[in-house]
Amino acid sequence: MSGTSLDGLDLVAVEFEHSGEKWHFRIVNAQTFPYSADWEKKLRTAHLLPAAELLRLHNNYGKLLADYINQFMINFYPDLIASHGHTVFHQPENEFTFQLGNGAVIAAETGIITVIDFRQPDVAIGGQGAPLVPAGDRMLFGEYDFCLNIGGFANISFERNGQRIAFDICPANIILNQFAAKHGLPFDKDGQLGRTGNLNLELLEKLNSLDFYKKEPPKSLGREWIESEFLPIIDDFSCPESDKIRTIYEHIAFQIANAAYNTGKMLITGGGAFNKFLIERVEKLSKAKVLIPDSKTINFKEALIFAFLGVLRIRNEINCLSSVTGAKRDHSTGVIFLP
């Protein structure tokens, strides 16, 4: 799993067992491989490449993924690889999405069956192609009323009237990391930068008034929306940088609290779960009871669920819910490559 925050590649080895109607999992091994400065730049600017260079990067990134996978599986040999890839374009309104990392290369280099392109088949039948994790939330983490992931974007899933509802809430680490970078930091550890500024209510109101927040799910966010809708408000607003980041923290917490609408249990995973200031603000504004799991679950839940989606795809079982993505039907998504 590679997320929009570009903090590295998450690899997790998982054993799945199916008994009765319930799935069980056990994490065997998990590791994050940080990107080199060169690869981080390549991924950050991939959307600017001409077509031929993008296709070459698609293959080269597939080779990088395969190299990391081969390093990772020294002591075990998996039955299956499921790779999310790295999102370069996500424009379901224009009927396309693109995740970097050629599955044919991964399968050839590892000798293992590989499932990739989980998003494109959903877009092809009218879906948003995101979020995809909720099918795993329902089947593996069903004891929680809300499953919240705070990564590049914050997203949530929950049951309502017998249907799984899920959507992207708002930008999170993708924006916070940009502010941290201005201070020479990879991320805002514990929210220390966020604590230093003052809340600007006028800026907060402008951010909360964005049209995306008025839409009903299914809905999803991508880099394009950040650049066209979110950043212009931040860049054009006149106030100290410290006040801007403080206000963005409040905006994220407010939107999360608005999404988790009742007093149930809310599991929080993703890198944002380690951000003490952000979690404090979420706890302050939300009705739901915040639950932070162990560090492996925080860091690797998304990768774990994509592994699960790969298992369901190989079994040709439903792993994508129309109630979540808006597709014409529930379906089994993912493209299978044989070595």
C-alpha atoms as a PDB file:
ATOM      1  CA  MET A   1       0.000   0.000   0.000  1.00  0.00           C
ATOM      2  CA  SER A   2       1.308   3.429  -0.972  1.00  0.00           C
ATOM      3  CA  GLY A   3      -0.714   6.427   0.176  1.00  0.00           C
ATOM      4  CA  THR A   4      -0.986  10.009  -0.997  1.00  0.00           C
ATOM      5  CA  SER A   5       1.087  11.248   1.958  1.00  0.00           C
ATOM      6  CA  LEU A   6       4.158   9.549   0.380  1.00  0.00           C
ATOM      7  CA  ASP A   7       5.585   8.431   3.714  1.00  0.00           C
ATOM      8  CA  GLY A   8       6.611   5.064   2.308  1.00  0.00           C
ATOM      9  CA  LEU A   9       5.488   1.674   1.063  1.00  0.00           C
ATOM     10  CA  ASP A  10       3.592  -0.487   3.565  1.00  0.00           C
ATOM     11  CA  LEU A  11       4.028  -4.244   3.204  1.00  0.00           C
ATOM     12  CA  VAL A  12       2.146  -6.709   5.362  1.00  0.00           C
ATOM     13  CA  ALA A  13       2.080 -10.512   5.317  1.00  0.00           C
ATOM     14  CA  VAL A  14      -1.244 -11.865   6.527  1.00  0.00           C
ATOM     15  CA  GLU A  15      -2.771 -15.276   7.062  1.00  0.00           C
ATOM     16  CA  PHE A  16      -6.548 -15.432   6.502  1.00  0.00           C
ATOM     17  CA  GLU A  17      -8.867 -18.155   7.731  1.00  0.00           C
ATOM     18  CA  HIS A  18     -12.540 -18.568   6.902  1.00  0.00           C
ATOM     19  CA  SER A  19     -14.768 -20.392   9.392  1.00  0.00           C
ATOM     20  CA  GLY A  20     -18.530 -20.363   9.090  1.00  0.00           C
ATOM     21  CA  GLU A  21     -19.457 -16.878   7.914  1.00  0.00           C
ATOM     22  CA  LYS A  22     -16.572 -15.157   9.696  1.00  0.00           C
ATOM     23  CA  TRP A  23     -13.091 -14.275   8.480  1.00  0.00           C
ATOM     24  CA  HIS A  24     -10.114 -14.199  10.839  1.00  0.00           C
ATOM     25  CA  PHE A  25      -6.658 -12.777  10.188  1.00  0.00           C
ATOM     26  CA  ARG A  26      -3.202 -12.898  11.698  1.00  0.00           C
ATOM     27  CA  ILE A  27      -0.438 -10.457  10.833  1.00  0.00           C
ATOM     28  CA  VAL A  28       2.716 -12.516  10.234  1.00  0.00           C
ATOM     29  CA  ASN A  29       5.063  -9.660   9.401  1.00  0.00           C
ATOM     30  CA  ALA A  30       4.802  -5.964   8.585  1.00  0.00           C
ATOM     31  CA  GLN A  31       7.285  -3.348   7.451  1.00  0.00           C
ATOM     32  CA  THR A  32       7.343   0.131   5.937  1.00  0.00           C
ATOM     33  CA  PHE A  33       9.975   0.877   3.312  1.00  0.00           C
ATOM     34  CA  PRO A  34      10.569   4.654   3.181  1.00  0.00           C
ATOM     35  CA  TYR A  35      10.896   6.135  -0.275  1.00  0.00           C
ATOM     36  CA  SER A  36      14.216   7.617  -1.296  1.00  0.00           C
ATOM     37  CA  ALA A  37      14.175  11.361  -1.997  1.00  0.00           C
ATOM     38  CA  ASP A  38      14.423  10.522  -5.702  1.00  0.00           C
ATOM     39  CA  TRP A  39      11.429   8.193  -5.674  1.00  0.00           C
ATOM     40  CA  GLU A  40       9.370  10.558  -3.544  1.00  0.00           C
ATOM     41  CA  LYS A  41       9.949  13.277  -6.134  1.00  0.00           C
ATOM     42  CA  LYS A  42       9.098  10.911  -9.002  1.00  0.00           C
ATOM     43  CA  LEU A  43       5.810   9.925  -7.369  1.00  0.00           C
ATOM     44  CA  ARG A  44       4.928  13.484  -6.366  1.00  0.00           C
ATOM     45  CA  THR A  45       5.410  14.760  -9.928  1.00  0.00           C
ATOM     46  CA  ALA A  46       4.220  11.709 -11.897  1.00  0.00           C
ATOM     47  CA  HIS A  47       1.020  13.474 -12.969  1.00  0.00           C
ATOM     48  CA  LEU A  48       3.105  16.012 -14.901  1.00  0.00           C
ATOM     49  CA  LEU A  49       4.851  13.437 -17.132  1.00  0.00           C
ATOM     50  CA  PRO A  50       4.115  12.952 -20.840  1.00  0.00           C
ATOM     51  CA  ALA A  51       2.442   9.640 -21.694  1.00  0.00           C
ATOM     52  CA  ALA A  52       5.547   7.673 -22.744  1.00  0.00           C
ATOM     53  CA  GLU A  53       7.494   8.662 -19.629  1.00  0.00           C
ATOM     54  CA  LEU A  54       4.520   7.841 -17.388  1.00  0.00           C
ATOM     55  CA  LEU A  55       4.286   4.358 -18.898  1.00  0.00           C
ATOM     56  CA  ARG A  56       8.005   3.853 -18.325  1.00  0.00           C
ATOM     57  CA  LEU A  57       7.588   4.962 -14.703  1.00  0.00           C
ATOM     58  CA  HIS A  58       4.630   2.564 -14.400  1.00  0.00           C
ATOM     59  CA  ASN A  59       6.993  -0.321 -15.216  1.00  0.00           C
ATOM     60  CA  ASN A  60       9.903   1.007 -13.140  1.00  0.00           C
ATOM     61  CA  TYR A  61       7.687   1.464 -10.107  1.00  0.00           C
ATOM     62  CA  GLY A  62       6.370  -2.078 -10.585  1.00  0.00           C
ATOM     63  CA  LYS A  63       9.996  -3.248 -10.506  1.00  0.00           C
ATOM     64  CA  LEU A  64      10.608  -1.232  -7.307  1.00  0.00           C
ATOM     65  CA  LEU A  65       7.562  -2.831  -5.664  1.00  0.00           C
ATOM     66  CA  ALA A  66       8.755  -6.291  -6.710  1.00  0.00           C
ATOM     67  CA  ASP A  67      12.247  -5.612  -5.314  1.00  0.00           C
ATOM     68  CA  TYR A  68      10.798  -4.587  -1.937  1.00  0.00           C
ATOM     69  CA  ILE A  69       8.448  -7.594  -1.931  1.00  0.00           C
ATOM     70  CA  ASN A  70      11.348  -9.969  -2.657  1.00  0.00           C
ATOM     71  CA  GLN A  71      13.338  -8.439   0.219  1.00  0.00           C
ATOM     72  CA  PHE A  72      10.318  -8.654   2.513  1.00  0.00           C
ATOM     73  CA  MET A  73       9.446 -12.322   1.925  1.00  0.00           C
ATOM     74  CA  ILE A  74      12.815 -13.868   2.750  1.00  0.00           C
ATOM     75  CA  ASN A  75      11.364 -16.205   5.409  1.00  0.00           C
ATOM     76  CA  PHE A  76       8.020 -17.019   3.792  1.00  0.00           C
ATOM     77  CA  TYR A  77       6.461 -17.495   0.353  1.00  0.00           C
ATOM     78  CA  PRO A  78       2.956 -16.054  -0.062  1.00  0.00           C
ATOM     79  CA  ASP A  79       0.181 -17.515  -2.191  1.00  0.00           C
ATOM     80  CA  LEU A  80      -0.825 -14.108  -3.469  1.00  0.00           C
ATOM     81  CA  ILE A  81       0.273 -10.476  -3.781  1.00  0.00           C
ATOM     82  CA  ALA A  82      -2.352  -7.706  -3.687  1.00  0.00           C
ATOM     83  CA  SER A  83      -1.007  -4.293  -4.648  1.00  0.00           C
ATOM     84  CA  HIS A  84      -2.905  -1.030  -4.410  1.00  0.00           C
ATOM     85  CA  GLY A  85      -0.248   0.823  -6.397  1.00  0.00           C
ATOM     86  CA  HIS A  86       0.288   4.574  -6.103  1.00  0.00           C
ATOM     87  CA  THR A  87      -2.538   6.842  -7.240  1.00  0.00           C
ATOM     88  CA  VAL A  88      -1.474   9.340  -9.910  1.00  0.00           C
ATOM     89  CA  PHE A  89      -4.873  10.326 -11.301  1.00  0.00           C
ATOM     90  CA  HIS A  90      -8.279   9.923  -9.691  1.00  0.00           C
ATOM     91  CA  GLN A  91     -11.070  11.516 -11.711  1.00  0.00           C
ATOM     92  CA  PRO A  92     -14.112   9.231 -11.530  1.00  0.00           C
ATOM     93  CA  GLU A  93     -16.288  12.114 -12.741  1.00  0.00           C
ATOM     94  CA  ASN A  94     -14.295  11.854 -15.983  1.00  0.00           C
ATOM     95  CA  GLU A  95     -14.494   8.041 -15.872  1.00  0.00           C
ATOM     96  CA  PHE A  96     -10.845   7.299 -15.133  1.00  0.00           C
ATOM     97  CA  THR A  97      -8.413   6.594 -12.335  1.00  0.00           C
ATOM     98  CA  PHE A  98      -4.800   5.428 -12.535  1.00  0.00           C
ATOM     99  CA  GLN A  99      -2.613   3.648 -10.013  1.00  0.00           C
ATOM    100  CA  LEU A 100       1.100   3.375 -10.799  1.00  0.00           C
ATOM    101  CA  GLY A 101       2.880  -0.006 -10.553  1.00  0.00           C
ATOM    102  CA  ASN A 102       2.487  -2.528 -13.365  1.00  0.00           C
ATOM    103  CA  GLY A 103       1.122  -5.819 -12.022  1.00  0.00           C
ATOM    104  CA  ALA A 104       2.623  -7.766 -14.929  1.00  0.00           C
ATOM    105  CA  VAL A 105       6.074  -6.642 -13.782  1.00  0.00           C
ATOM    106  CA  ILE A 106       5.361  -7.513 -10.137  1.00  0.00           C
ATOM    107  CA  ALA A 107       4.148 -11.016 -11.052  1.00  0.00           C
ATOM    108  CA  ALA A 108       7.083 -11.615 -13.399  1.00  0.00           C
ATOM    109  CA  GLU A 109       9.714 -10.419 -10.895  1.00  0.00           C
ATOM    110  CA  THR A 110       8.292 -12.279  -7.879  1.00  0.00           C
ATOM    111  CA  GLY A 111       6.852 -15.391  -9.529  1.00  0.00           C
ATOM    112  CA  ILE A 112       3.643 -14.911  -7.526  1.00  0.00           C
ATOM    113  CA  ILE A 113       0.039 -14.334  -8.638  1.00  0.00           C
ATOM    114  CA  THR A 114      -0.623 -10.596  -8.335  1.00  0.00           C
ATOM    115  CA  VAL A 115      -3.885  -8.668  -8.049  1.00  0.00           C
ATOM    116  CA  ILE A 116      -3.811  -4.942  -8.856  1.00  0.00           C
ATOM    117  CA  ASP A 117      -6.080  -2.219 -10.312  1.00  0.00           C
ATOM    118  CA  PHE A 118      -8.797  -2.495  -7.698  1.00  0.00           C
ATOM    119  CA  ARG A 119     -10.223   0.919  -8.610  1.00  0.00           C
ATOM    120  CA  GLN A 120     -10.531   0.879 -12.405  1.00  0.00           C
ATOM    121  CA  PRO A 121     -13.135  -1.924 -12.721  1.00  0.00           C
ATOM    122  CA  ASP A 122     -15.394  -0.072 -10.278  1.00  0.00           C
ATOM    123  CA  VAL A 123     -15.119   3.197 -12.225  1.00  0.00           C
ATOM    124  CA  ALA A 124     -15.939   1.214 -15.386  1.00  0.00           C
ATOM    125  CA  ILE A 125     -19.379   0.344 -13.963  1.00  0.00           C
ATOM    126  CA  GLY A 126     -20.178   3.837 -12.739  1.00  0.00           C
ATOM    127  CA  GLY A 127     -18.500   3.833  -9.327  1.00  0.00           C
ATOM    128  CA  GLN A 128     -16.156   6.273  -7.662  1.00  0.00           C
ATOM    129  CA  GLY A 129     -13.434   3.621  -7.432  1.00  0.00           C
ATOM    130  CA  ALA A 130     -13.087   4.656  -3.791  1.00  0.00           C
ATOM    131  CA  PRO A 131     -13.125   4.039  -0.964  1.00  0.00           C
ATOM    132  CA  LEU A 132     -12.483   0.303  -1.208  1.00  0.00           C
ATOM    133  CA  VAL A 133     -11.500  -0.496   2.375  1.00  0.00           C
ATOM    134  CA  PRO A 134     -15.115  -0.577   3.734  1.00  0.00           C
ATOM    135  CA  ALA A 135     -15.774  -4.127   2.501  1.00  0.00           C
ATOM    136  CA  GLY A 136     -12.861  -5.190   4.726  1.00  0.00           C
ATOM    137  CA  ASP A 137     -14.092  -2.965   7.561  1.00  0.00           C
ATOM    138  CA  ARG A 138     -17.425  -4.765   7.527  1.00  0.00           C
ATOM    139  CA  MET A 139     -15.958  -8.283   7.401  1.00  0.00           C
ATOM    140  CA  LEU A 140     -12.844  -7.888   9.589  1.00  0.00           C
ATOM    141  CA  PHE A 141     -13.622  -4.968  11.955  1.00  0.00           C
ATOM    142  CA  GLY A 142     -17.398  -5.221  12.286  1.00  0.00           C
ATOM    143  CA  GLU A 143     -17.376  -4.733  16.064  1.00  0.00           C
ATOM    144  CA  TYR A 144     -16.764  -0.980  15.624  1.00  0.00           C
ATOM    145  CA  ASP A 145     -19.541   1.495  14.810  1.00  0.00           C
ATOM    146  CA  PHE A 146     -17.165   3.676  12.792  1.00  0.00           C
ATOM    147  CA  CYS A 147     -13.873   2.851  11.084  1.00  0.00           C
ATOM    148  CA  LEU A 148     -11.900   6.047  10.504  1.00  0.00           C
ATOM    149  CA  ASN A 149      -8.616   6.141   8.621  1.00  0.00           C
ATOM    150  CA  ILE A 150      -6.507   9.304   8.741  1.00  0.00           C
ATOM    151  CA  GLY A 151      -3.946   9.137   5.951  1.00  0.00           C
ATOM    152  CA  GLY A 152      -3.424  11.558   3.106  1.00  0.00           C
ATOM    153  CA  PHE A 153      -7.184  11.970   3.292  1.00  0.00           C
ATOM    154  CA  ALA A 154      -9.491  11.110   6.177  1.00  0.00           C
ATOM    155  CA  ASN A 155     -12.125   8.526   5.268  1.00  0.00           C
ATOM    156  CA  ILE A 156     -14.788   6.706   7.240  1.00  0.00           C
ATOM    157  CA  SER A 157     -17.116   3.728   6.964  1.00  0.00           C
ATOM    158  CA  PHE A 158     -20.114   2.574   8.997  1.00  0.00           C
ATOM    159  CA  GLU A 159     -23.382   0.655   8.769  1.00  0.00           C
ATOM    160  CA  ARG A 160     -26.649   2.527   8.190  1.00  0.00           C
ATOM    161  CA  ASN A 161     -29.983   0.803   7.580  1.00  0.00           C
ATOM    162  CA  GLY A 162     -28.232  -2.457   6.734  1.00  0.00           C
ATOM    163  CA  GLN A 163     -25.898  -0.885   4.169  1.00  0.00           C
ATOM    164  CA  ARG A 164     -22.218  -0.037   4.421  1.00  0.00           C
ATOM    165  CA  ILE A 165     -21.761   3.701   3.941  1.00  0.00           C
ATOM    166  CA  ALA A 166     -18.301   5.125   3.342  1.00  0.00           C
ATOM    167  CA  PHE A 167     -16.698   8.219   1.896  1.00  0.00           C
ATOM    168  CA  ASP A 168     -13.673  10.462   1.931  1.00  0.00           C
ATOM    169  CA  ILE A 169     -14.211  13.116   4.594  1.00  0.00           C
ATOM    170  CA  CYS A 170     -11.542  15.744   3.952  1.00  0.00           C
ATOM    171  CA  PRO A 171      -7.815  16.189   3.277  1.00  0.00           C
ATOM    172  CA  ALA A 172      -5.577  15.341   6.231  1.00  0.00           C
ATOM    173  CA  ASN A 173      -1.879  14.410   6.130  1.00  0.00           C
ATOM    174  CA  ILE A 174      -1.531  15.449   2.491  1.00  0.00           C
ATOM    175  CA  ILE A 175      -2.041  19.058   3.662  1.00  0.00           C
ATOM    176  CA  LEU A 176      -0.414  18.844   7.097  1.00  0.00           C
ATOM    177  CA  ASN A 177       2.741  17.363   5.543  1.00  0.00           C
ATOM    178  CA  GLN A 178       2.970  20.280   3.116  1.00  0.00           C
ATOM    179  CA  PHE A 179       3.060  22.734   6.011  1.00  0.00           C
ATOM    180  CA  ALA A 180       5.591  20.581   7.861  1.00  0.00           C
ATOM    181  CA  ALA A 181       7.804  20.550   4.757  1.00  0.00           C
ATOM    182  CA  LYS A 182       8.018  24.360   4.908  1.00  0.00           C
ATOM    183  CA  HIS A 183       9.735  23.879   8.275  1.00  0.00           C
ATOM    184  CA  GLY A 184      12.048  21.198   6.909  1.00  0.00           C
ATOM    185  CA  LEU A 185      10.058  18.403   8.576  1.00  0.00           C
ATOM    186  CA  PRO A 186       8.637  15.239   6.964  1.00  0.00           C
ATOM    187  CA  PHE A 187       5.472  15.565   9.088  1.00  0.00           C
ATOM    188  CA  ASP A 188       4.099  17.493  12.049  1.00  0.00           C
ATOM    189  CA  LYS A 189       5.099  15.174  14.917  1.00  0.00           C
ATOM    190  CA  ASP A 190       2.364  15.063  17.586  1.00  0.00           C
ATOM    191  CA  GLY A 191       0.805  18.160  16.001  1.00  0.00           C
ATOM    192  CA  GLN A 192       3.426  20.456  17.499  1.00  0.00           C
ATOM    193  CA  LEU A 193       3.175  23.001  14.660  1.00  0.00           C
ATOM    194  CA  GLY A 194      -0.596  22.953  14.905  1.00  0.00           C
ATOM    195  CA  ARG A 195      -0.478  23.858  18.596  1.00  0.00           C
ATOM    196  CA  THR A 196       1.538  27.039  18.016  1.00  0.00           C
ATOM    197  CA  GLY A 197      -1.000  29.008  15.983  1.00  0.00           C
ATOM    198  CA  ASN A 198      -4.358  30.617  16.678  1.00  0.00           C
ATOM    199  CA  LEU A 199      -7.662  29.463  15.244  1.00  0.00           C
ATOM    200  CA  ASN A 200      -8.940  31.772  12.489  1.00  0.00           C
ATOM    201  CA  LEU A 201     -12.738  31.474  12.403  1.00  0.00           C
ATOM    202  CA  GLU A 202     -13.102  33.250   9.058  1.00  0.00           C
ATOM    203  CA  LEU A 203     -10.721  30.818   7.345  1.00  0.00           C
ATOM    204  CA  LEU A 204     -12.398  27.890   9.098  1.00  0.00           C
ATOM    205  CA  GLU A 205     -15.786  28.973   7.766  1.00  0.00           C
ATOM    206  CA  LYS A 206     -14.420  29.277   4.221  1.00  0.00           C
ATOM    207  CA  LEU A 207     -12.973  25.753   4.345  1.00  0.00           C
ATOM    208  CA  ASN A 208     -16.106  24.261   5.867  1.00  0.00           C
ATOM    209  CA  SER A 209     -18.206  25.934   3.138  1.00  0.00           C
ATOM    210  CA  LEU A 210     -16.565  24.015   0.269  1.00  0.00           C
ATOM    211  CA  ASP A 211     -19.165  22.370  -1.975  1.00  0.00           C
ATOM    212  CA  PHE A 212     -17.689  18.883  -1.463  1.00  0.00           C
ATOM    213  CA  TYR A 213     -18.886  18.858   2.162  1.00  0.00           C
ATOM    214  CA  LYS A 214     -22.481  19.475   1.085  1.00  0.00           C
ATOM    215  CA  LYS A 215     -22.548  16.413  -1.189  1.00  0.00           C
ATOM    216  CA  GLU A 216     -24.093  13.164  -0.059  1.00  0.00           C
ATOM    217  CA  PRO A 217     -21.989   9.979  -0.343  1.00  0.00           C
ATOM    218  CA  PRO A 218     -20.719   8.217  -2.337  1.00  0.00           C
ATOM    219  CA  LYS A 219     -17.953  10.758  -2.819  1.00  0.00           C
ATOM    220  CA  SER A 220     -14.178  10.690  -2.951  1.00  0.00           C
ATOM    221  CA  LEU A 221     -11.244  13.085  -3.069  1.00  0.00           C
ATOM    222  CA  GLY A 222      -7.992  13.242  -5.010  1.00  0.00           C
ATOM    223  CA  ARG A 223      -4.961  15.443  -5.521  1.00  0.00           C
ATOM    224  CA  GLU A 224      -6.776  17.353  -8.257  1.00  0.00           C
ATOM    225  CA  TRP A 225      -9.419  18.627  -5.803  1.00  0.00           C
ATOM    226  CA  ILE A 226      -6.733  19.753  -3.368  1.00  0.00           C
ATOM    227  CA  GLU A 227      -5.052  21.812  -6.073  1.00  0.00           C
ATOM    228  CA  SER A 228      -8.191  23.337  -7.568  1.00  0.00           C
ATOM    229  CA  GLU A 229     -10.447  23.857  -4.524  1.00  0.00           C
ATOM    230  CA  PHE A 230      -8.641  23.608  -1.191  1.00  0.00           C
ATOM    231  CA  LEU A 231      -5.204  25.162  -1.653  1.00  0.00           C
ATOM    232  CA  PRO A 232      -6.440  28.356  -3.370  1.00  0.00           C
ATOM    233  CA  ILE A 233      -8.424  29.229  -0.230  1.00  0.00           C
ATOM    234  CA  ILE A 234      -5.379  28.629   1.969  1.00  0.00           C
ATOM    235  CA  ASP A 235      -2.947  30.435  -0.326  1.00  0.00           C
ATOM    236  CA  ASP A 236      -5.163  33.486  -0.880  1.00  0.00           C
ATOM    237  CA  PHE A 237      -6.082  33.970   2.764  1.00  0.00           C
ATOM    238  CA  SER A 238      -4.084  36.576   4.658  1.00  0.00           C
ATOM    239  CA  CYS A 239      -2.979  35.390   8.094  1.00  0.00           C
ATOM    240  CA  PRO A 240       0.184  33.903   9.646  1.00  0.00           C
ATOM    241  CA  GLU A 241       1.204  30.418   8.470  1.00  0.00           C
ATOM    242  CA  SER A 242       0.950  29.166  12.063  1.00  0.00           C
ATOM    243  CA  ASP A 243      -2.703  30.263  12.187  1.00  0.00           C
ATOM    244  CA  LYS A 244      -3.404  28.541   8.858  1.00  0.00           C
ATOM    245  CA  ILE A 245      -2.145  25.157  10.054  1.00  0.00           C
ATOM    246  CA  ARG A 246      -3.963  25.532  13.388  1.00  0.00           C
ATOM    247  CA  THR A 247      -7.177  26.246  11.487  1.00  0.00           C
ATOM    248  CA  ILE A 248      -6.638  23.280   9.156  1.00  0.00           C
ATOM    249  CA  TYR A 249      -6.376  21.032  12.214  1.00  0.00           C
ATOM    250  CA  GLU A 250      -9.713  22.366  13.453  1.00  0.00           C
ATOM    251  CA  HIS A 251     -11.223  21.890  10.004  1.00  0.00           C
ATOM    252  CA  ILE A 252     -10.136  18.234   9.859  1.00  0.00           C
ATOM    253  CA  ALA A 253     -11.423  17.529  13.378  1.00  0.00           C
ATOM    254  CA  PHE A 254     -14.722  19.306  12.665  1.00  0.00           C
ATOM    255  CA  GLN A 255     -15.354  17.353   9.473  1.00  0.00           C
ATOM    256  CA  ILE A 256     -14.484  14.051  11.170  1.00  0.00           C
ATOM    257  CA  ALA A 257     -16.849  14.842  14.054  1.00  0.00           C
ATOM    258  CA  ASN A 258     -19.560  15.725  11.566  1.00  0.00           C
ATOM    259  CA  ALA A 259     -19.090  12.392   9.746  1.00  0.00           C
ATOM    260  CA  ALA A 260     -19.092  10.277  12.947  1.00  0.00           C
ATOM    261  CA  TYR A 261     -22.554  11.448  13.822  1.00  0.00           C
ATOM    262  CA  ASN A 262     -23.461   9.443  16.949  1.00  0.00           C
ATOM    263  CA  THR A 263     -22.065   8.038  20.206  1.00  0.00           C
ATOM    264  CA  GLY A 264     -20.738   4.701  18.930  1.00  0.00           C
ATOM    265  CA  LYS A 265     -17.191   3.321  19.039  1.00  0.00           C
ATOM    266  CA  MET A 266     -14.799   4.805  16.473  1.00  0.00           C
ATOM    267  CA  LEU A 267     -11.621   2.896  15.505  1.00  0.00           C
ATOM    268  CA  ILE A 268      -8.932   5.292  14.253  1.00  0.00           C
ATOM    269  CA  THR A 269      -6.049   4.041  12.112  1.00  0.00           C
ATOM    270  CA  GLY A 270      -3.575   5.546   9.657  1.00  0.00           C
ATOM    271  CA  GLY A 271      -0.657   7.867  10.386  1.00  0.00           C
ATOM    272  CA  GLY A 272      -2.954  10.558  11.759  1.00  0.00           C
ATOM    273  CA  ALA A 273      -3.777   8.305  14.727  1.00  0.00           C
ATOM    274  CA  PHE A 274      -0.293   9.148  16.091  1.00  0.00           C
ATOM    275  CA  ASN A 275      -0.943  12.908  15.838  1.00  0.00           C
ATOM    276  CA  LYS A 276      -1.747  13.743  19.456  1.00  0.00           C
ATOM    277  CA  PHE A 277      -3.067  17.229  18.790  1.00  0.00           C
ATOM    278  CA  LEU A 278      -5.364  16.081  15.993  1.00  0.00           C
ATOM    279  CA  ILE A 279      -6.757  13.241  18.112  1.00  0.00           C
ATOM    280  CA  GLU A 280      -7.319  15.662  21.013  1.00  0.00           C
ATOM    281  CA  ARG A 281      -9.386  17.907  18.729  1.00  0.00           C
ATOM    282  CA  VAL A 282     -11.349  14.935  17.337  1.00  0.00           C
ATOM    283  CA  GLU A 283     -12.108  13.730  20.886  1.00  0.00           C
ATOM    284  CA  LYS A 284     -13.191  17.248  21.860  1.00  0.00           C
ATOM    285  CA  LEU A 285     -15.577  17.734  18.919  1.00  0.00           C
ATOM    286  CA  SER A 286     -16.884  14.212  18.278  1.00  0.00           C
ATOM    287  CA  LYS A 287     -19.768  12.424  19.983  1.00  0.00           C
ATOM    288  CA  ALA A 288     -18.183   9.047  19.222  1.00  0.00           C
ATOM    289  CA  LYS A 289     -15.814   7.275  21.603  1.00  0.00           C
ATOM    290  CA  VAL A 290     -12.322   7.325  20.095  1.00  0.00           C
ATOM    291  CA  LEU A 291     -10.405   4.017  20.190  1.00  0.00           C
ATOM    292  CA  ILE A 292      -6.744   3.838  19.118  1.00  0.00           C
ATOM    293  CA  PRO A 293      -5.507   0.253  18.455  1.00  0.00           C
ATOM    294  CA  ASP A 294      -1.998  -1.207  18.542  1.00  0.00           C
ATOM    295  CA  SER A 295       0.648   0.339  16.298  1.00  0.00           C
ATOM    296  CA  LYS A 296       0.588  -2.501  13.736  1.00  0.00           C
ATOM    297  CA  THR A 297      -3.130  -2.061  13.170  1.00  0.00           C
ATOM    298  CA  ILE A 298      -2.693   1.717  12.981  1.00  0.00           C
ATOM    299  CA  ASN A 299       0.066   1.495  10.402  1.00  0.00           C
ATOM    300  CA  PHE A 300      -0.966  -1.488   8.329  1.00  0.00           C
ATOM    301  CA  LYS A 301      -4.768  -1.748   8.395  1.00  0.00           C
ATOM    302  CA  GLU A 302      -5.142  -0.433   4.834  1.00  0.00           C
ATOM    303  CA  ALA A 303      -2.467  -2.776   3.478  1.00  0.00           C
ATOM    304  CA  LEU A 304      -4.050  -5.635   5.451  1.00  0.00           C
ATOM    305  CA  ILE A 305      -7.444  -4.936   3.900  1.00  0.00           C
ATOM    306  CA  PHE A 306      -6.044  -4.739   0.370  1.00  0.00           C
ATOM    307  CA  ALA A 307      -4.531  -8.167   0.995  1.00  0.00           C
ATOM    308  CA  PHE A 308      -8.024  -9.299   1.991  1.00  0.00           C
ATOM    309  CA  LEU A 309      -9.566  -7.734  -1.119  1.00  0.00           C
ATOM    310  CA  GLY A 310      -7.037  -9.712  -3.167  1.00  0.00           C
ATOM    311  CA  VAL A 311      -8.094 -12.943  -1.450  1.00  0.00           C
ATOM    312  CA  LEU A 312     -11.764 -12.229  -2.165  1.00  0.00           C
ATOM    313  CA  ARG A 313     -10.933 -11.405  -5.804  1.00  0.00           C
ATOM    314  CA  ILE A 314      -9.128 -14.713  -6.332  1.00  0.00           C
ATOM    315  CA  ARG A 315     -12.185 -16.464  -4.862  1.00  0.00           C
ATOM    316  CA  ASN A 316     -14.394 -14.328  -7.172  1.00  0.00           C
ATOM    317  CA  GLU A 317     -16.325 -13.085  -4.146  1.00  0.00           C
ATOM    318  CA  ILE A 318     -17.738  -9.592  -3.678  1.00  0.00           C
ATOM    319  CA  ASN A 319     -15.097  -7.182  -2.403  1.00  0.00           C
ATOM    320  CA  CYS A 320     -16.552  -3.864  -3.596  1.00  0.00           C
ATOM    321  CA  LEU A 321     -19.871  -2.474  -2.381  1.00  0.00           C
ATOM    322  CA  SER A 322     -22.136  -0.372  -4.587  1.00  0.00           C
ATOM    323  CA  SER A 323     -23.543   1.365  -1.493  1.00  0.00           C
ATOM    324  CA  VAL A 324     -20.024   2.718  -0.930  1.00  0.00           C
ATOM    325  CA  THR A 325     -18.762   3.559  -4.421  1.00  0.00           C
ATOM    326  CA  GLY A 326     -22.024   4.223  -6.264  1.00  0.00           C
ATOM    327  CA  ALA A 327     -21.316   1.519  -8.853  1.00  0.00           C
ATOM    328  CA  LYS A 328     -24.195  -0.190 -10.649  1.00  0.00           C
ATOM    329  CA  ARG A 329     -23.790  -3.342  -8.546  1.00  0.00           C
ATOM    330  CA  ASP A 330     -21.721  -5.060  -5.876  1.00  0.00           C
ATOM    331  CA  HIS A 331     -18.853  -6.838  -7.589  1.00  0.00           C
ATOM    332  CA  SER A 332     -15.461  -8.536  -7.298  1.00  0.00           C
ATOM    333  CA  THR A 333     -12.858  -5.982  -8.336  1.00  0.00           C
ATOM    334  CA  GLY A 334      -9.181  -6.278  -9.203  1.00  0.00           C
ATOM    335  CA  VAL A 335      -7.106  -7.421 -12.191  1.00  0.00           C
ATOM    336  CA  ILE A 336      -5.231 -10.719 -11.854  1.00  0.00           C
ATOM    337  CA  PHE A 337      -1.762 -11.251 -13.325  1.00  0.00           C
ATOM    338  CA  LEU A 338      -0.217 -14.722 -13.456  1.00  0.00           C
ATOM    339  CA  PRO A 339       3.590 -15.050 -13.317  1.00  0.00           C
END
